[in-house]
C-alpha atoms as a PDB file:
ATOM      1  CA  MET A   1      12.771 -23.704  11.164  1.00  0.00           C
ATOM      2  CA  ALA A   2       9.717 -21.543  12.048  1.00  0.00           C
ATOM      3  CA  THR A   3       7.123 -20.431   9.537  1.00  0.00           C
ATOM      4  CA  THR A   4       6.262 -16.698   9.414  1.00  0.00           C
ATOM      5  CA  ILE A   5       2.787 -15.735   8.306  1.00  0.00           C
ATOM      6  CA  PHE A   6       2.720 -12.643   6.027  1.00  0.00           C
ATOM      7  CA  GLY A   7      -0.285 -10.688   4.890  1.00  0.00           C
ATOM      8  CA  HIS A   8       0.495 -10.423   1.204  1.00  0.00           C
ATOM      9  CA  ARG A   9      -0.827  -6.957   0.168  1.00  0.00           C
ATOM     10  CA  GLY A  10      -2.837  -6.994   3.450  1.00  0.00           C
ATOM     11  CA  CYS A  11      -5.456  -9.715   3.208  1.00  0.00           C
ATOM     12  CA  PRO A  12      -7.034  -9.530  -0.307  1.00  0.00           C
ATOM     13  CA  ALA A  13      -9.355 -12.499   0.318  1.00  0.00           C
ATOM     14  CA  HIS A  14     -11.238 -10.338   2.837  1.00  0.00           C
ATOM     15  CA  GLU A  15     -10.472  -6.696   1.912  1.00  0.00           C
ATOM     16  CA  PRO A  16      -9.120  -4.918  -1.178  1.00  0.00           C
ATOM     17  CA  GLU A  17      -5.417  -5.471  -1.691  1.00  0.00           C
ATOM     18  CA  ASN A  18      -3.139  -2.841  -0.283  1.00  0.00           C
ATOM     19  CA  SER A  19      -5.993  -1.154   1.533  1.00  0.00           C
ATOM     20  CA  PRO A  20      -5.841   0.163   5.063  1.00  0.00           C
ATOM     21  CA  ALA A  21      -8.778  -2.225   5.938  1.00  0.00           C
ATOM     22  CA  GLY A  22      -6.759  -5.194   4.478  1.00  0.00           C
ATOM     23  CA  PHE A  23      -3.730  -4.320   6.546  1.00  0.00           C
ATOM     24  CA  ARG A  24      -5.848  -3.938   9.732  1.00  0.00           C
ATOM     25  CA  TYR A  25      -7.436  -7.306   8.986  1.00  0.00           C
ATOM     26  CA  ALA A  26      -4.109  -9.019   8.583  1.00  0.00           C
ATOM     27  CA  LEU A  27      -2.766  -7.440  11.797  1.00  0.00           C
ATOM     28  CA  THR A  28      -5.792  -8.378  13.860  1.00  0.00           C
ATOM     29  CA  HIS A  29      -5.926 -12.033  12.466  1.00  0.00           C
ATOM     30  CA  GLY A  30      -2.403 -13.033  13.353  1.00  0.00           C
ATOM     31  CA  ALA A  31      -0.159 -11.871  10.470  1.00  0.00           C
ATOM     32  CA  GLU A  32       3.462 -11.706  11.701  1.00  0.00           C
ATOM     33  CA  GLY A  33       4.450  -9.627   8.722  1.00  0.00           C
ATOM     34  CA  ILE A  34       3.076  -7.588   5.866  1.00  0.00           C
ATOM     35  CA  GLU A  35       4.229  -7.490   2.255  1.00  0.00           C
ATOM     36  CA  THR A  36       3.243  -4.463   0.190  1.00  0.00           C
ATOM     37  CA  ASP A  37       4.386  -2.459  -2.814  1.00  0.00           C
ATOM     38  CA  LEU A  38       5.385   1.145  -3.287  1.00  0.00           C
ATOM     39  CA  HIS A  39       5.144   3.482  -6.274  1.00  0.00           C
ATOM     40  CA  LEU A  40       6.065   7.183  -6.384  1.00  0.00           C
ATOM     41  CA  THR A  41       3.603   9.894  -7.316  1.00  0.00           C
ATOM     42  CA  ASN A  42       4.503  12.623  -9.717  1.00  0.00           C
ATOM     43  CA  ASP A  43       5.457  14.805  -6.688  1.00  0.00           C
ATOM     44  CA  GLY A  44       7.648  12.181  -5.192  1.00  0.00           C
ATOM     45  CA  VAL A  45       5.423  10.743  -2.466  1.00  0.00           C
ATOM     46  CA  PRO A  46       5.495   6.934  -1.972  1.00  0.00           C
ATOM     47  CA  VAL A  47       2.105   5.324  -2.175  1.00  0.00           C
ATOM     48  CA  ILE A  48       0.987   1.788  -1.436  1.00  0.00           C
ATOM     49  CA  ILE A  49      -0.138   0.179  -4.643  1.00  0.00           C
ATOM     50  CA  HIS A  50       1.074  -2.874  -6.599  1.00  0.00           C
ATOM     51  CA  ASP A  51       0.582  -1.894 -10.194  1.00  0.00           C
ATOM     52  CA  GLU A  52       2.054   1.047 -11.950  1.00  0.00           C
ATOM     53  CA  THR A  53      -1.382   1.709 -13.360  1.00  0.00           C
ATOM     54  CA  LEU A  54      -4.599   2.504 -11.457  1.00  0.00           C
ATOM     55  CA  HIS A  55      -7.350   0.656 -13.397  1.00  0.00           C
ATOM     56  CA  ARG A  56      -7.086  -2.819 -11.813  1.00  0.00           C
ATOM     57  CA  THR A  57      -7.284  -1.773  -8.119  1.00  0.00           C
ATOM     58  CA  THR A  58      -9.024   1.572  -8.183  1.00  0.00           C
ATOM     59  CA  ASN A  59     -11.657   3.582 -10.060  1.00  0.00           C
ATOM     60  CA  GLY A  60      -8.930   5.637 -11.759  1.00  0.00           C
ATOM     61  CA  THR A  61      -7.030   5.157 -14.944  1.00  0.00           C
ATOM     62  CA  GLY A  62      -3.521   5.957 -16.109  1.00  0.00           C
ATOM     63  CA  GLN A  63      -0.065   5.705 -14.504  1.00  0.00           C
ATOM     64  CA  VAL A  64       0.463   6.320 -10.767  1.00  0.00           C
ATOM     65  CA  ALA A  65       3.572   8.348 -11.539  1.00  0.00           C
ATOM     66  CA  ASP A  66       1.474  10.753 -13.736  1.00  0.00           C
ATOM     67  CA  TYR A  67      -0.461  12.034 -10.756  1.00  0.00           C
ATOM     68  CA  THR A  68       0.404  14.115  -7.735  1.00  0.00           C
ATOM     69  CA  LEU A  69      -0.703  12.847  -4.359  1.00  0.00           C
ATOM     70  CA  ALA A  70      -3.503  15.400  -4.273  1.00  0.00           C
ATOM     71  CA  GLU A  71      -4.712  14.177  -7.663  1.00  0.00           C
ATOM     72  CA  LEU A  72      -4.442  10.464  -6.561  1.00  0.00           C
ATOM     73  CA  ARG A  73      -6.634  11.174  -3.499  1.00  0.00           C
ATOM     74  CA  GLN A  74      -9.660  11.511  -5.803  1.00  0.00           C
ATOM     75  CA  PHE A  75      -9.527   7.742  -6.719  1.00  0.00           C
ATOM     76  CA  ARG A  76     -10.912   5.047  -4.558  1.00  0.00           C
ATOM     77  CA  LEU A  77     -10.233   1.442  -3.752  1.00  0.00           C
ATOM     78  CA  PRO A  78     -13.285  -0.951  -4.085  1.00  0.00           C
ATOM     79  CA  ASN A  79     -14.155  -0.394  -0.427  1.00  0.00           C
ATOM     80  CA  GLY A  80     -14.209   3.428  -0.810  1.00  0.00           C
ATOM     81  CA  GLU A  81     -10.734   4.012   0.849  1.00  0.00           C
ATOM     82  CA  CYS A  82      -8.075   6.200  -0.714  1.00  0.00           C
ATOM     83  CA  ILE A  83      -4.777   4.813  -1.902  1.00  0.00           C
ATOM     84  CA  PRO A  84      -2.589   4.959   1.219  1.00  0.00           C
ATOM     85  CA  THR A  85       0.763   6.691   1.392  1.00  0.00           C
ATOM     86  CA  LEU A  86       3.767   4.992   2.992  1.00  0.00           C
ATOM     87  CA  ALA A  87       3.330   7.363   5.918  1.00  0.00           C
ATOM     88  CA  ASP A  88      -0.274   6.252   6.277  1.00  0.00           C
ATOM     89  CA  PHE A  89       0.769   2.645   6.214  1.00  0.00           C
ATOM     90  CA  LEU A  90       3.579   3.140   8.772  1.00  0.00           C
ATOM     91  CA  GLN A  91       1.110   4.997  11.058  1.00  0.00           C
ATOM     92  CA  LEU A  92      -1.416   2.215  10.736  1.00  0.00           C
ATOM     93  CA  VAL A  93       1.235  -0.450  11.529  1.00  0.00           C
ATOM     94  CA  GLY A  94       2.515   1.697  14.359  1.00  0.00           C
ATOM     95  CA  THR A  95       4.485  -0.310  16.897  1.00  0.00           C
ATOM     96  CA  ALA A  96       2.873  -3.642  16.071  1.00  0.00           C
ATOM     97  CA  PRO A  97       5.484  -6.424  16.376  1.00  0.00           C
ATOM     98  CA  VAL A  98       5.462  -7.309  12.677  1.00  0.00           C
ATOM     99  CA  GLN A  99       8.008  -7.693   9.917  1.00  0.00           C
ATOM    100  CA  LEU A 100       7.667  -5.511   6.827  1.00  0.00           C
ATOM    101  CA  ASN A 101       8.513  -6.339   3.339  1.00  0.00           C
ATOM    102  CA  LEU A 102       8.221  -3.188   1.193  1.00  0.00           C
ATOM    103  CA  GLU A 103       8.823  -3.706  -2.503  1.00  0.00           C
ATOM    104  CA  CYS A 104       9.693  -0.642  -4.517  1.00  0.00           C
ATOM    105  CA  GLN A 105       8.139  -0.839  -8.038  1.00  0.00           C
ATOM    106  CA  PRO A 106      10.304   0.318  -9.919  1.00  0.00           C
ATOM    107  CA  PRO A 107      13.244   0.844  -7.564  1.00  0.00           C
ATOM    108  CA  LEU A 108      12.801   4.255  -5.937  1.00  0.00           C
ATOM    109  CA  THR A 109      15.353   6.942  -6.604  1.00  0.00           C
ATOM    110  CA  LYS A 110      13.814   9.796  -4.671  1.00  0.00           C
ATOM    111  CA  VAL A 111      11.417   9.858  -1.827  1.00  0.00           C
ATOM    112  CA  SER A 112       9.843  13.061  -0.514  1.00  0.00           C
ATOM    113  CA  GLY A 113       9.771  13.474   3.236  1.00  0.00           C
ATOM    114  CA  LEU A 114      11.943  10.528   4.152  1.00  0.00           C
END
């Protein structure tokens, strides 16, 4: 049985978890898959963030679901990047030959634009 190396939330040992920089690091350092988490904004846009709250991984406070995407864009990850959307993530991954494990937190019932 072969082992598959996944970047769990990107590569948080080197870049902030669930950040575009973390995903790029994982992809350029041999990850064969990426695991990440999704939450919906108040206007139904899936964004890449593990917690349902903002305070642990961004400079924001409150619940992800209480903000629209435009409002969430004001908050920053520790490296200065914005919280990526699912579309941002998929564009970043592009056609890279990697497996994706997308965990919906909580299970998504509506997704804008998909």
